[in-house]
Amino acid sequence: MTGLRFGTGAMALAALALAFAWHIAVGAKVIPLATVAEAFWGYDKTVFDHVVIRDLRLPRALMAVAVGAGLAVAGALMQGVTRNPLADPGLLGLLAGASFAVVLGTFTGLTSPVATPVLAAVGALAAALVVWGVASAVPGGATPMTLVLAGAAVTAFLAALTAIMLLIDETSFEALRVWLTGTLAGRPGSAGLWAAGWLAIGLVVALGAARQVTALAMGDEAATGLGVDVNKLRLAILASVVALTAAAVAIAGPMGFVGLVVPHMVRLVVGYDYRVIVPASALAGATYMLIADIAARMLLAPVEISTGLITALLGAPVFVWLVRARL
């Protein structure tokens, strides 16, 4: 089993490296992989392709890796802790809450790269608590279906408030209109740098709690019998999910369905041990986002579409399948 996991991990890393190199090589101008390698090992600022790779394409590829890994791990944790196959930062309102908070902050003048992840974290946490409260208040409690319905209602409400703010001052919020569709195009490197700390915190907590999440996925009584402090674990996972979601939204806006699709793909390969699912989801999510961003740039070239539209097009059929198969 250890050898199988090692082999799977090696293949996942190879796939990520290949997607990373491919992502840097393609674009308005296709750059040979040999030139890509030269830009890393023998950088020459007088060579135009080297400058394009190091200053434009490399930061975007790194941000794609961060967003994909963060959202995939957040989705895996949510599905494990809630035992809900439909749990996802987008479906349960976290992405909408984080986006609304960032737009509200921009509306009030808080636009610095330092403030953006903080605003996104506050918005994601508030939305998560509201969704859980609404779902818990209905007859039958917080079931997978009531959570999804509550998430849809909260998402729609926050989207309406966001649209109202955008309409108040269309000129000032023109850039946010594209960001709200989920995009890596034109994102400043400072956005990724300040979000990196939040991402690192979320991943460290997720990896540290992975073993206990496996126990919790079997039920509260089983987890308690194995020595897991259920309430403490849920608080830690909530903090991790909020940090990961905040980092992703601060970098690229709301990218839907990544946290839903990737963990299910990973479980088909590695099983249900969260000590494996969490790191595998990070690798698979990063690869998935790189490929989605390549598709966003190349499908209608030279016109580029938002990466969030690609993730939605890929994720919506999976969501329908899960609803039919699991509920």
Protein backbone atom coordinates (compact mmCIF):
# COMPACT_ATOMS: atom_id res chain seq x y z
CA MET A 1 0.00 0.00 0.00
CA THR A 2 2.85 2.39 0.83
CA GLY A 3 4.44 1.69 -2.53
CA LEU A 4 1.11 2.31 -4.27
CA ARG A 5 0.71 5.64 -2.50
CA PHE A 6 4.28 6.61 -3.35
CA GLY A 7 3.71 5.76 -6.99
CA THR A 8 0.44 7.71 -7.06
CA GLY A 9 2.13 10.69 -5.44
CA ALA A 10 4.99 10.58 -7.93
CA MET A 11 2.56 10.52 -10.85
CA ALA A 12 0.58 13.42 -9.35
CA LEU A 13 3.76 15.47 -8.99
CA ALA A 14 4.78 14.63 -12.56
CA ALA A 15 1.35 15.68 -13.85
CA LEU A 16 1.59 18.95 -11.92
CA ALA A 17 5.08 19.66 -13.30
CA LEU A 18 3.91 18.92 -16.85
CA ALA A 19 0.82 21.13 -16.50
CA PHE A 20 2.95 23.89 -14.97
CA ALA A 21 5.41 23.84 -17.88
CA TRP A 22 2.58 23.67 -20.41
CA HIS A 23 0.82 26.60 -18.75
CA ILE A 24 3.95 28.76 -19.04
CA ALA A 25 4.66 27.72 -22.61
CA VAL A 26 1.26 28.51 -24.16
CA GLY A 27 -0.41 31.87 -24.64
CA ALA A 28 -0.65 34.62 -27.23
CA LYS A 29 2.75 33.36 -28.32
CA VAL A 30 3.76 29.72 -27.90
CA ILE A 31 7.20 29.48 -26.33
CA PRO A 32 9.22 26.25 -26.74
CA LEU A 33 9.76 24.25 -23.55
CA ALA A 34 13.52 24.52 -24.08
CA THR A 35 13.20 28.30 -23.85
CA VAL A 36 11.07 27.94 -20.73
CA ALA A 37 13.83 25.90 -19.13
CA GLU A 38 16.44 28.46 -20.19
CA ALA A 39 14.42 31.23 -18.53
CA PHE A 40 14.82 29.42 -15.20
CA TRP A 41 18.37 28.11 -15.44
CA GLY A 42 19.99 30.78 -17.59
CA TYR A 43 17.84 33.89 -17.31
CA ASP A 44 18.81 36.71 -19.65
CA LYS A 45 16.84 39.94 -19.24
CA THR A 46 17.74 40.96 -22.78
CA VAL A 47 15.79 37.98 -24.18
CA PHE A 48 12.13 38.99 -24.60
CA ASP A 49 10.76 35.46 -24.09
CA HIS A 50 12.66 35.14 -20.80
CA VAL A 51 11.12 38.37 -19.53
CA VAL A 52 7.62 37.24 -20.55
CA ILE A 53 8.10 33.93 -18.75
CA ARG A 54 9.55 35.31 -15.52
CA ASP A 55 7.50 38.48 -15.18
CA LEU A 56 4.13 37.48 -16.65
CA ARG A 57 3.56 33.77 -17.04
CA LEU A 58 5.37 32.42 -13.99
CA PRO A 59 3.42 34.57 -11.47
CA ARG A 60 0.14 33.59 -13.12
CA ALA A 61 1.04 29.90 -13.03
CA LEU A 62 1.98 30.13 -9.34
CA MET A 63 -1.31 31.86 -8.55
CA ALA A 64 -3.21 29.12 -10.43
CA VAL A 65 -1.43 26.50 -8.31
CA ALA A 66 -2.29 28.37 -5.10
CA VAL A 67 -5.96 28.86 -5.97
CA GLY A 68 -6.48 25.30 -7.16
CA ALA A 69 -4.73 23.72 -4.18
CA GLY A 70 -6.52 25.94 -1.67
CA LEU A 71 -10.03 25.40 -2.99
CA ALA A 72 -9.56 21.65 -3.51
CA VAL A 73 -8.30 21.11 0.04
CA ALA A 74 -11.08 23.32 1.43
CA GLY A 75 -13.67 21.24 -0.41
CA ALA A 76 -12.16 17.95 0.75
CA LEU A 77 -12.18 19.10 4.39
CA MET A 78 -15.77 20.33 4.18
CA GLN A 79 -16.95 17.06 2.66
CA GLY A 80 -15.13 15.03 5.29
CA VAL A 81 -16.25 17.00 8.33
CA THR A 82 -19.89 17.45 7.28
CA ARG A 83 -20.12 14.02 5.61
CA ASN A 84 -21.83 15.88 2.79
CA PRO A 85 -20.73 14.95 -0.76
CA LEU A 86 -22.03 18.31 -2.02
CA ALA A 87 -20.00 20.43 0.40
CA ASP A 88 -17.94 23.04 -1.41
CA PRO A 89 -16.89 26.65 -0.66
CA GLY A 90 -19.04 27.85 -3.56
CA LEU A 91 -22.19 25.81 -2.96
CA LEU A 92 -22.25 26.61 0.77
CA GLY A 93 -21.86 30.34 0.33
CA LEU A 94 -18.25 30.92 1.38
CA LEU A 95 -17.12 32.21 -2.01
CA ALA A 96 -20.09 34.59 -2.18
CA GLY A 97 -19.42 35.83 1.34
CA ALA A 98 -15.74 36.39 0.68
CA SER A 99 -16.44 38.18 -2.61
CA PHE A 100 -19.11 40.39 -1.07
CA ALA A 101 -16.77 41.40 1.74
CA VAL A 102 -14.00 42.33 -0.71
CA VAL A 103 -16.38 44.41 -2.83
CA LEU A 104 -17.76 46.09 0.30
CA GLY A 105 -14.22 46.83 1.42
CA THR A 106 -13.44 48.35 -1.97
CA PHE A 107 -16.62 50.40 -1.71
CA THR A 108 -15.40 51.83 1.61
CA GLY A 109 -11.82 52.39 0.47
CA LEU A 110 -10.11 49.23 1.79
CA THR A 111 -8.28 48.18 -1.36
CA SER A 112 -4.77 47.24 -0.18
CA PRO A 113 -3.41 43.72 -0.83
CA VAL A 114 -3.01 43.31 2.95
CA ALA A 115 -6.68 44.02 3.65
CA THR A 116 -8.13 41.88 0.86
CA PRO A 117 -7.45 38.42 2.41
CA VAL A 118 -8.67 39.66 5.79
CA LEU A 119 -11.92 40.93 4.28
CA ALA A 120 -12.35 37.70 2.34
CA ALA A 121 -11.82 35.64 5.50
CA VAL A 122 -14.37 37.65 7.48
CA GLY A 123 -16.90 37.37 4.66
CA ALA A 124 -16.37 33.64 4.20
CA LEU A 125 -16.71 32.97 7.94
CA ALA A 126 -19.85 35.07 8.25
CA ALA A 127 -21.46 33.36 5.26
CA ALA A 128 -20.57 29.90 6.59
CA LEU A 129 -22.13 30.65 9.97
CA VAL A 130 -25.29 32.06 8.39
CA VAL A 131 -25.70 29.05 6.08
CA TRP A 132 -25.17 26.60 8.95
CA GLY A 133 -27.60 28.55 11.15
CA VAL A 134 -30.31 28.64 8.49
CA ALA A 135 -29.91 24.94 7.66
CA SER A 136 -29.95 23.95 11.33
CA ALA A 137 -33.12 25.94 12.02
CA VAL A 138 -35.33 24.06 9.55
CA PRO A 139 -37.09 20.79 10.42
CA GLY A 140 -34.65 17.91 10.10
CA GLY A 141 -31.58 20.02 10.78
CA ALA A 142 -28.48 20.55 8.67
CA THR A 143 -28.80 17.75 6.12
CA PRO A 144 -26.86 17.76 2.84
CA MET A 145 -29.92 19.09 1.00
CA THR A 146 -30.79 21.82 3.51
CA LEU A 147 -27.18 22.98 3.56
CA VAL A 148 -27.12 23.27 -0.24
CA LEU A 149 -30.47 25.07 -0.29
CA ALA A 150 -29.38 27.46 2.46
CA GLY A 151 -26.10 28.03 0.62
CA ALA A 152 -27.97 28.79 -2.60
CA ALA A 153 -30.23 31.29 -0.82
CA VAL A 154 -27.35 33.06 0.93
CA THR A 155 -25.31 33.11 -2.29
CA ALA A 156 -28.19 34.66 -4.23
CA PHE A 157 -28.77 37.29 -1.53
CA LEU A 158 -25.11 38.27 -1.37
CA ALA A 159 -24.85 38.32 -5.16
CA ALA A 160 -27.77 40.77 -5.27
CA LEU A 161 -26.12 43.04 -2.70
CA THR A 162 -22.85 42.87 -4.64
CA ALA A 163 -24.63 43.79 -7.88
CA ILE A 164 -26.26 46.79 -6.20
CA MET A 165 -22.87 48.12 -5.08
CA LEU A 166 -21.41 47.60 -8.54
CA LEU A 167 -24.29 49.53 -10.11
CA ILE A 168 -23.83 52.48 -7.77
CA ASP A 169 -20.41 53.30 -9.20
CA GLU A 170 -19.86 51.43 -12.46
CA THR A 171 -16.61 53.18 -13.35
CA SER A 172 -14.82 52.47 -10.06
CA PHE A 173 -15.88 48.83 -10.03
CA GLU A 174 -15.24 47.97 -13.68
CA ALA A 175 -12.17 45.90 -12.79
CA LEU A 176 -14.14 44.01 -10.14
CA ARG A 177 -16.70 42.88 -12.70
CA VAL A 178 -14.11 40.63 -14.33
CA TRP A 179 -12.63 39.57 -10.99
CA LEU A 180 -16.07 38.42 -9.79
CA THR A 181 -16.23 35.88 -12.62
CA GLY A 182 -13.03 34.27 -11.33
CA THR A 183 -9.92 35.20 -13.27
CA LEU A 184 -6.15 34.98 -13.10
CA ALA A 185 -5.63 37.46 -15.93
CA GLY A 186 -3.93 40.69 -14.96
CA ARG A 187 -3.81 39.90 -11.26
CA PRO A 188 -1.00 41.77 -9.48
CA GLY A 189 1.77 39.73 -7.92
CA SER A 190 1.16 41.51 -4.61
CA ALA A 191 -2.24 39.81 -4.39
CA GLY A 192 -0.58 36.41 -4.43
CA LEU A 193 2.18 37.40 -2.01
CA TRP A 194 -0.16 38.61 0.73
CA ALA A 195 -2.54 35.68 0.23
CA ALA A 196 0.33 33.16 0.44
CA GLY A 197 0.48 33.41 4.22
CA TRP A 198 -3.22 32.61 4.56
CA LEU A 199 -2.82 29.71 2.17
CA ALA A 200 0.15 28.33 4.10
CA ILE A 201 -1.74 28.51 7.41
CA GLY A 202 -4.76 26.76 5.95
CA LEU A 203 -2.69 23.97 4.39
CA VAL A 204 -0.63 23.38 7.55
CA VAL A 205 -3.79 23.06 9.67
CA ALA A 206 -5.39 20.80 7.07
CA LEU A 207 -2.41 18.45 6.91
CA GLY A 208 -2.15 18.36 10.70
CA ALA A 209 -5.83 17.50 11.11
CA ALA A 210 -6.10 15.06 8.20
CA ARG A 211 -5.89 11.89 10.32
CA GLN A 212 -8.63 13.09 12.65
CA VAL A 213 -10.85 14.07 9.73
CA THR A 214 -10.77 10.43 8.62
CA ALA A 215 -12.09 9.43 12.04
CA LEU A 216 -14.73 12.17 12.03
CA ALA A 217 -15.93 11.08 8.60
CA MET A 218 -17.05 7.83 10.27
CA GLY A 219 -19.33 9.72 12.66
CA ASP A 220 -19.05 11.77 15.85
CA GLU A 221 -19.37 8.76 18.17
CA ALA A 222 -16.68 6.79 16.35
CA ALA A 223 -14.36 9.80 16.33
CA THR A 224 -14.90 10.44 20.05
CA GLY A 225 -14.21 6.78 20.77
CA LEU A 226 -10.89 7.16 18.96
CA GLY A 227 -9.93 10.09 21.16
CA VAL A 228 -10.85 12.96 18.81
CA ASP A 229 -12.09 16.20 20.36
CA VAL A 230 -14.87 16.72 17.81
CA ASN A 231 -15.68 20.34 18.65
CA LYS A 232 -12.03 21.40 18.68
CA LEU A 233 -11.44 19.62 15.38
CA ARG A 234 -14.41 21.31 13.72
CA LEU A 235 -13.15 24.73 14.83
CA ALA A 236 -9.70 23.97 13.42
CA ILE A 237 -11.17 22.78 10.13
CA LEU A 238 -13.40 25.86 9.93
CA ALA A 239 -10.35 28.08 10.41
CA SER A 240 -8.47 26.16 7.72
CA VAL A 241 -11.34 26.31 5.22
CA VAL A 242 -11.85 30.04 5.81
CA ALA A 243 -8.12 30.76 5.38
CA LEU A 244 -7.91 28.70 2.19
CA THR A 245 -11.04 30.26 0.72
CA ALA A 246 -9.88 33.75 1.64
CA ALA A 247 -6.53 33.21 -0.06
CA ALA A 248 -8.15 31.89 -3.24
CA VAL A 249 -10.70 34.71 -3.46
CA ALA A 250 -8.08 37.37 -2.74
CA ILE A 251 -5.99 36.09 -5.63
CA ALA A 252 -8.54 35.26 -8.32
CA GLY A 253 -12.07 35.97 -7.17
CA PRO A 254 -14.73 33.26 -6.77
CA MET A 255 -13.79 30.07 -8.65
CA GLY A 256 -16.79 27.80 -8.46
CA PHE A 257 -16.94 24.00 -8.26
CA VAL A 258 -13.19 23.39 -7.82
CA GLY A 259 -13.70 22.25 -4.24
CA LEU A 260 -16.54 20.00 -5.35
CA VAL A 261 -14.99 18.27 -8.35
CA VAL A 262 -11.39 17.66 -7.33
CA PRO A 263 -11.91 15.79 -4.00
CA HIS A 264 -14.31 13.36 -5.68
CA MET A 265 -11.78 12.73 -8.45
CA VAL A 266 -9.10 12.13 -5.83
CA ARG A 267 -11.20 9.65 -3.81
CA LEU A 268 -11.71 7.52 -6.90
CA VAL A 269 -7.93 7.00 -6.98
CA VAL A 270 -6.68 7.08 -3.37
CA GLY A 271 -9.70 5.99 -1.31
CA TYR A 272 -11.04 7.62 1.84
CA ASP A 273 -8.01 8.18 4.06
CA TYR A 274 -7.72 11.94 4.56
CA ARG A 275 -4.02 11.65 5.32
CA VAL A 276 -3.77 10.92 1.59
CA ILE A 277 -6.81 12.85 0.34
CA VAL A 278 -5.62 16.24 1.66
CA PRO A 279 -2.16 16.32 -0.01
CA ALA A 280 -3.52 14.56 -3.11
CA SER A 281 -6.30 17.16 -3.38
CA ALA A 282 -3.72 19.94 -3.17
CA LEU A 283 -1.72 18.45 -6.05
CA ALA A 284 -4.78 17.56 -8.14
CA GLY A 285 -6.42 20.93 -7.50
CA ALA A 286 -3.30 22.78 -8.60
CA THR A 287 -3.09 20.69 -11.79
CA TYR A 288 -6.81 21.10 -12.45
CA MET A 289 -6.60 24.90 -12.14
CA LEU A 290 -3.57 25.10 -14.43
CA ILE A 291 -5.42 23.12 -17.11
CA ALA A 292 -8.59 25.18 -16.66
CA ASP A 293 -6.58 28.40 -17.04
CA ILE A 294 -4.93 27.06 -20.19
CA ALA A 295 -8.39 26.33 -21.58
CA ALA A 296 -9.54 29.84 -20.66
CA ARG A 297 -6.69 31.32 -22.66
CA MET A 298 -6.74 29.00 -25.65
CA LEU A 299 -10.33 27.91 -26.40
CA LEU A 300 -11.37 31.20 -28.02
CA ALA A 301 -7.89 32.60 -28.72
CA PRO A 302 -7.01 35.38 -29.19
CA VAL A 303 -9.97 36.24 -26.93
CA GLU A 304 -9.44 35.15 -23.32
CA ILE A 305 -12.37 34.13 -21.13
CA SER A 306 -12.48 34.00 -17.34
CA THR A 307 -11.10 30.84 -15.78
CA GLY A 308 -14.08 30.74 -13.41
CA LEU A 309 -16.36 30.16 -16.39
CA ILE A 310 -14.33 27.09 -17.34
CA THR A 311 -14.47 25.64 -13.82
CA ALA A 312 -18.23 26.22 -13.77
CA LEU A 313 -18.71 24.51 -17.14
CA LEU A 314 -16.71 21.51 -15.91
CA GLY A 315 -18.19 21.44 -12.43
CA ALA A 316 -21.90 21.86 -13.12
CA PRO A 317 -22.33 18.40 -14.74
CA VAL A 318 -20.48 16.81 -11.81
CA PHE A 319 -22.83 18.58 -9.40
CA VAL A 320 -25.87 17.25 -11.26
CA TRP A 321 -24.42 13.74 -11.22
CA LEU A 322 -23.76 13.90 -7.48
CA VAL A 323 -27.28 15.10 -6.76
CA ARG A 324 -28.72 12.21 -8.80
CA ALA A 325 -26.36 9.60 -7.38
CA ARG A 326 -26.13 10.58 -3.73
CA LEU A 327 -29.40 12.26 -2.75
